[in-house]
Protein backbone atom coordinates (compact mmCIF):
# COMPACT_ATOMS: atom_id res chain seq x y z
CA UNK A 1 13.13 21.52 14.31
CA UNK A 2 9.95 20.55 12.36
CA UNK A 3 6.24 20.66 13.66
CA UNK A 4 4.87 17.20 14.85
CA UNK A 5 1.90 16.40 13.09
CA UNK A 6 -1.60 17.26 14.91
CA UNK A 7 -3.53 14.19 15.73
CA UNK A 8 -6.33 14.12 13.43
CA UNK A 9 -9.83 12.11 14.19
CA UNK A 10 -11.84 12.17 11.11
CA UNK A 11 -11.25 12.08 7.17
CA UNK A 12 -12.81 15.74 7.36
CA UNK A 13 -10.40 17.14 9.63
CA UNK A 14 -7.68 15.38 7.72
CA UNK A 15 -8.98 16.88 4.70
CA UNK A 16 -9.15 20.64 5.94
CA UNK A 17 -5.75 20.13 7.48
CA UNK A 18 -3.92 18.93 4.42
CA UNK A 19 -5.59 21.53 2.47
CA UNK A 20 -4.83 24.43 4.39
CA UNK A 21 -1.15 23.62 5.94
CA UNK A 22 2.21 23.48 4.55
CA UNK A 23 3.16 19.96 4.73
CA UNK A 24 6.99 20.83 4.34
CA UNK A 25 7.13 22.43 8.07
CA UNK A 26 6.27 19.23 9.60
CA UNK A 27 8.01 16.42 10.53
CA UNK A 28 6.61 13.31 8.25
CA UNK A 29 9.73 10.75 9.17
CA UNK A 30 7.32 8.63 10.93
CA UNK A 31 4.61 8.59 8.17
CA UNK A 32 4.43 4.94 6.54
CA UNK A 33 2.93 4.22 3.06
CA UNK A 34 -0.58 2.74 3.07
CA UNK A 35 -2.57 1.08 0.36
CA UNK A 36 -6.12 0.57 0.03
CA UNK A 37 -7.83 -1.61 -2.18
CA UNK A 38 -11.32 -0.09 -3.44
CA UNK A 39 -12.10 -2.12 -6.21
CA UNK A 40 -14.16 -5.63 -5.52
CA UNK A 41 -12.70 -8.52 -6.09
CA UNK A 42 -15.09 -10.52 -8.37
CA UNK A 43 -13.08 -14.05 -8.84
CA UNK A 44 -11.20 -16.42 -6.73
CA UNK A 45 -8.76 -18.43 -8.22
CA UNK A 46 -6.74 -21.64 -6.81
CA UNK A 47 -2.63 -21.42 -7.88
CA UNK A 48 -0.17 -24.04 -6.70
CA UNK A 49 3.15 -22.99 -5.66
CA UNK A 50 6.00 -24.57 -4.48
CA UNK A 51 6.36 -24.23 -0.73
CA UNK A 52 9.82 -22.23 -1.02
CA UNK A 53 7.96 -19.64 -3.56
CA UNK A 54 5.32 -19.14 -0.88
CA UNK A 55 7.48 -18.47 2.32
CA UNK A 56 9.12 -16.06 0.20
CA UNK A 57 6.13 -14.58 -0.91
CA UNK A 58 4.82 -14.11 2.60
CA UNK A 59 8.05 -12.97 3.89
CA UNK A 60 8.15 -10.53 1.50
CA UNK A 61 4.39 -9.32 2.03
CA UNK A 62 5.04 -9.10 6.00
CA UNK A 63 8.24 -6.43 5.28
CA UNK A 64 5.82 -4.54 3.22
CA UNK A 65 3.09 -4.52 6.14
CA UNK A 66 0.31 -6.03 3.58
CA UNK A 67 -1.23 -9.36 3.49
CA UNK A 68 0.40 -12.22 1.28
CA UNK A 69 -2.66 -12.44 -0.94
CA UNK A 70 -2.73 -8.42 -1.64
CA UNK A 71 1.05 -8.59 -2.37
CA UNK A 72 0.25 -11.45 -5.09
CA UNK A 73 -2.35 -9.15 -6.77
CA UNK A 74 0.06 -6.24 -6.72
CA UNK A 75 2.52 -8.21 -8.02
CA UNK A 76 0.34 -9.67 -11.06
CA UNK A 77 -0.86 -6.12 -11.75
CA UNK A 78 2.18 -4.51 -11.83
CA UNK A 79 3.54 -7.68 -14.01
CA UNK A 80 0.11 -7.03 -16.50
CA UNK A 81 0.84 -3.43 -16.53
CA UNK A 82 4.71 -3.37 -17.32
CA UNK A 83 3.19 -5.96 -20.07
CA UNK A 84 1.16 -3.50 -21.65
CA UNK A 85 4.12 -0.82 -21.60
CA UNK A 86 6.55 -3.38 -23.53
CA UNK A 87 3.80 -4.32 -26.22
């Protein structure tokens, strides 16, 4: 039986815990991926999409647990990065 993670109330406490703990001893099954966007957004654009495509994007974003505009940005970033690799 693996240990439960402690309730960490600050970034400092979390950093200290991770620095000194063997995380393989803890049950991490309840964790979920969180993506933070730290870069500022400089420009706004307007894109017209077919209604069905927008519905599909919103549905996928909801399943991923992120706002749909962030989902679109991530898809664009991934497409650009993949394009760099194949060039």
